[in-house]
Protein backbone atom coordinates (compact mmCIF):
# COMPACT_ATOMS: atom_id res chain seq x y z
CA MET A 1 -9.77 40.72 17.13
CA PRO A 2 -10.50 37.27 18.59
CA ILE A 3 -13.81 35.55 17.83
CA ALA A 4 -15.89 33.16 19.89
CA LYS A 5 -15.63 29.40 19.38
CA GLN A 6 -19.19 29.16 18.08
CA GLU A 7 -18.55 31.87 15.50
CA PHE A 8 -15.41 29.98 14.43
CA GLU A 9 -17.36 26.70 14.14
CA ASN A 10 -20.04 28.42 12.01
CA GLY A 11 -17.44 30.04 9.74
CA LYS A 12 -16.78 29.11 6.15
CA VAL A 13 -14.18 26.46 5.33
CA HIS A 14 -13.58 28.08 1.95
CA SER A 15 -11.96 31.51 1.78
CA THR A 16 -11.41 34.26 -0.78
CA LEU A 17 -7.66 33.81 -0.35
CA GLU A 18 -8.00 30.26 -1.67
CA ASP A 19 -9.85 31.58 -4.73
CA GLU A 20 -7.19 34.25 -5.30
CA ILE A 21 -4.32 31.75 -5.08
CA LEU A 22 -6.02 29.23 -7.37
CA SER A 23 -6.98 31.84 -9.98
CA PHE A 24 -3.41 33.27 -9.94
CA LEU A 25 -1.90 29.81 -10.51
CA ASN A 26 -4.57 28.65 -12.99
CA GLU A 27 -3.94 31.73 -15.15
CA ARG A 28 -0.27 30.71 -15.28
CA LYS A 29 -0.60 26.93 -15.62
CA ASP A 30 2.60 26.59 -17.64
CA ARG A 31 4.79 27.93 -14.79
CA ALA A 32 5.62 27.07 -11.19
CA PHE A 33 6.24 29.61 -8.42
CA THR A 34 7.78 29.76 -4.96
CA SER A 35 5.50 30.72 -2.07
CA GLN A 36 7.15 34.16 -1.99
CA GLU A 37 6.44 34.69 -5.71
CA VAL A 38 2.79 33.67 -5.23
CA MET A 39 2.51 36.07 -2.31
CA GLU A 40 4.02 38.92 -4.34
CA GLY A 41 1.81 38.06 -7.33
CA LEU A 42 -1.25 38.52 -5.11
CA SER A 43 0.14 41.85 -3.78
CA TYR A 44 0.66 40.48 -0.26
CA ASN A 45 4.07 42.08 0.06
CA ALA A 46 6.15 41.53 3.17
CA GLU A 47 8.09 44.49 4.45
CA PHE A 48 11.16 44.43 6.66
CA SER A 49 11.86 48.17 7.22
CA THR A 50 11.43 48.23 11.01
CA PRO A 51 11.73 45.45 13.59
CA GLU A 52 7.99 45.58 14.43
CA ILE A 53 6.87 45.40 10.81
CA SER A 54 9.50 42.75 10.12
CA LYS A 55 8.09 40.57 12.93
CA MET A 56 4.52 40.91 11.61
CA SER A 57 5.68 40.16 8.06
CA SER A 58 7.42 36.99 9.24
CA PHE A 59 4.18 35.74 10.81
CA THR A 60 2.27 36.66 7.66
CA ILE A 61 4.70 34.70 5.47
CA ALA A 62 4.49 31.69 7.81
CA ASP A 63 0.68 31.78 7.79
CA PHE A 64 0.60 32.12 4.00
CA THR A 65 3.00 29.19 3.55
CA THR A 66 0.92 27.09 5.97
CA PHE A 67 -2.19 27.92 3.94
CA LEU A 68 -0.42 26.84 0.72
CA HIS A 69 0.57 23.56 2.41
CA HIS A 70 -3.08 23.03 3.39
CA LEU A 71 -4.10 23.48 -0.27
CA VAL A 72 -1.46 20.92 -1.28
CA GLU A 73 -2.89 18.42 1.24
CA LYS A 74 -6.38 18.99 -0.18
CA GLY A 75 -5.06 18.22 -3.68
CA ARG A 76 -5.71 21.71 -5.05
CA LEU A 77 -1.98 22.50 -5.53
CA LYS A 78 1.07 20.36 -6.21
CA THR A 79 4.67 20.97 -5.16
CA LYS A 80 8.10 19.86 -6.32
CA ILE A 81 11.58 20.72 -5.16
CA VAL A 82 13.77 21.96 -8.01
CA ARG A 83 17.36 23.08 -7.43
CA GLY A 84 16.81 23.16 -3.66
CA ARG A 85 13.69 25.36 -3.76
CA MET A 86 10.07 24.33 -3.38
CA TYR A 87 7.82 25.32 -6.28
CA ILE A 88 4.03 25.35 -6.43
CA MET A 89 1.66 24.78 -9.36
CA ALA A 90 -2.08 24.45 -9.75
CA ALA A 91 -2.98 20.78 -9.54
CA GLY A 92 -5.58 21.13 -12.25
CA GLU A 93 -9.07 19.83 -12.03
CA ILE A 94 -9.34 16.19 -11.06
CA SER A 95 -12.25 14.75 -12.96
CA ALA A 96 -13.91 11.34 -12.96
CA ARG A 97 -16.62 9.61 -14.95
CA CYS A 98 -19.79 8.25 -13.38
CA PRO A 99 -19.64 4.43 -13.59
CA LYS A 100 -23.36 4.21 -14.45
CA CYS A 101 -23.90 6.91 -17.09
CA GLY A 102 -20.37 8.04 -18.03
CA ALA A 103 -21.02 11.72 -17.21
CA GLU A 104 -17.86 13.65 -16.34
CA VAL A 105 -17.82 15.15 -12.85
CA ILE A 106 -15.15 17.84 -12.53
CA ARG A 107 -14.33 18.32 -8.86
CA PRO A 108 -14.40 15.78 -6.00
CA GLU A 109 -16.40 16.67 -2.90
CA LYS A 110 -13.77 15.04 -0.72
CA THR A 111 -10.41 13.30 -1.15
CA TRP A 112 -8.48 11.15 1.30
CA LYS A 113 -5.51 8.82 1.44
CA MET A 114 -5.63 5.25 2.59
CA ALA A 115 -2.94 2.59 2.87
CA GLY A 116 -3.45 -1.14 2.45
CA ARG A 117 -1.81 -3.99 4.29
CA PRO A 118 1.91 -4.56 3.73
CA ASN A 119 3.10 -7.41 1.52
CA LYS A 120 5.93 -9.79 2.49
CA LYS A 121 8.55 -7.17 1.59
CA GLY A 122 6.90 -4.60 3.87
CA GLU A 123 5.62 -2.45 0.98
CA ARG A 124 2.16 -0.96 1.18
CA LEU A 125 0.01 0.54 -1.54
CA GLN A 126 -1.22 4.04 -0.69
CA LEU A 127 -4.35 5.13 -2.53
CA GLN A 128 -5.78 8.60 -2.94
CA ILE A 129 -9.53 8.25 -3.25
CA GLY A 130 -12.02 10.87 -4.41
CA LEU A 131 -15.72 11.12 -3.59
CA TYR A 132 -17.74 12.53 -6.51
CA ARG A 133 -21.45 13.26 -6.93
CA CYS A 134 -23.14 12.54 -10.26
CA PRO A 135 -26.22 14.75 -10.85
CA LYS A 136 -28.25 11.70 -11.97
CA HIS A 137 -26.95 8.76 -9.91
CA GLY A 138 -25.56 10.27 -6.71
CA ALA A 139 -22.24 9.65 -4.99
CA PHE A 140 -19.46 7.37 -6.21
CA ARG A 141 -15.80 6.83 -5.29
CA THR A 142 -12.81 6.45 -7.54
CA VAL A 143 -9.07 5.94 -7.08
CA LEU A 144 -7.16 9.07 -8.11
CA GLU A 145 -3.60 7.97 -7.44
CA LYS A 146 -1.69 4.82 -6.42
CA GLN A 147 1.73 4.89 -4.80
CA LYS A 148 3.92 2.21 -3.21
CA ILE A 149 5.25 3.19 0.19
CA GLN A 150 7.75 1.46 2.42
CA SER A 151 6.44 0.78 5.90
CA ALA A 152 7.93 -0.51 9.09
CA PRO A 153 7.85 -4.30 9.37
CA THR A 154 4.65 -5.57 10.92
CA ASN A 155 4.50 -7.96 13.85
CA ARG A 156 3.82 -10.81 11.40
CA VAL A 157 7.01 -10.05 9.46
CA LYS A 158 9.00 -9.74 12.70
CA ARG A 159 7.66 -13.09 13.99
CA LYS A 160 8.53 -14.76 10.69
CA LYS A 161 12.11 -13.44 10.82
CA ARG A 162 12.50 -14.67 14.41
CA ALA A 163 11.18 -18.11 13.43
CA VAL A 164 13.70 -18.35 10.57
CA LYS A 165 16.54 -17.39 12.93
CA ARG A 166 15.44 -20.01 15.51
CA LYS A 167 15.23 -22.67 12.80
CA ALA A 168 18.73 -21.80 11.55
CA ALA A 169 20.10 -21.88 15.12
CA LYS A 170 18.70 -25.40 15.68
CA LYS A 171 20.48 -26.72 12.57
CA LYS A 172 23.91 -25.42 13.65
CA PRO A 173 25.88 -27.87 15.77
CA LYS A 174 27.14 -26.54 19.07
CA SER A 175 30.86 -25.97 19.34
CA GLY A 176 32.75 -29.04 20.59
CA ALA A 177 29.94 -31.36 19.60
CA TRP A 178 30.73 -34.44 17.55
CA VAL A 179 29.51 -34.13 13.95
CA PRO A 180 29.46 -37.24 11.71
CA ILE A 181 31.31 -36.94 8.43
């Protein structure tokens, strides 16, 4: 049954499905599961007995996998590919300490990724940053993860390469020109 746009906008961002998935994986922290195994563990079984039910089950599996991917992007789950299959685990609680009082804050309110400027080799540092709220001192940010990423050469790097090529071309004598020995 479709809903109106305003009802959608007023809806909750958090869902019971997210709680179910996280509790299932947190209870089994020492193991990793495929999306199909997580779905079966939550009793969301897909059935393929008739073509109509098979079609609905395929959409359900795709929606469920998309939801898992969304949880990975939010930092709630982590994934790895092992022997050609993607496995999912609970990411665990990401905690940080307040820089003023040292109190431990368990869960970030928001996380995001940000990339810095590239160095001369074209490498950039990608940071995952978390926004936490201390009960005494308010909001603070902290870096959760650092990762070097390769980026496309910037205009500055391209200009520098062109300048080096022009300089090298000027030093070469033209063919047939007299060169002193």
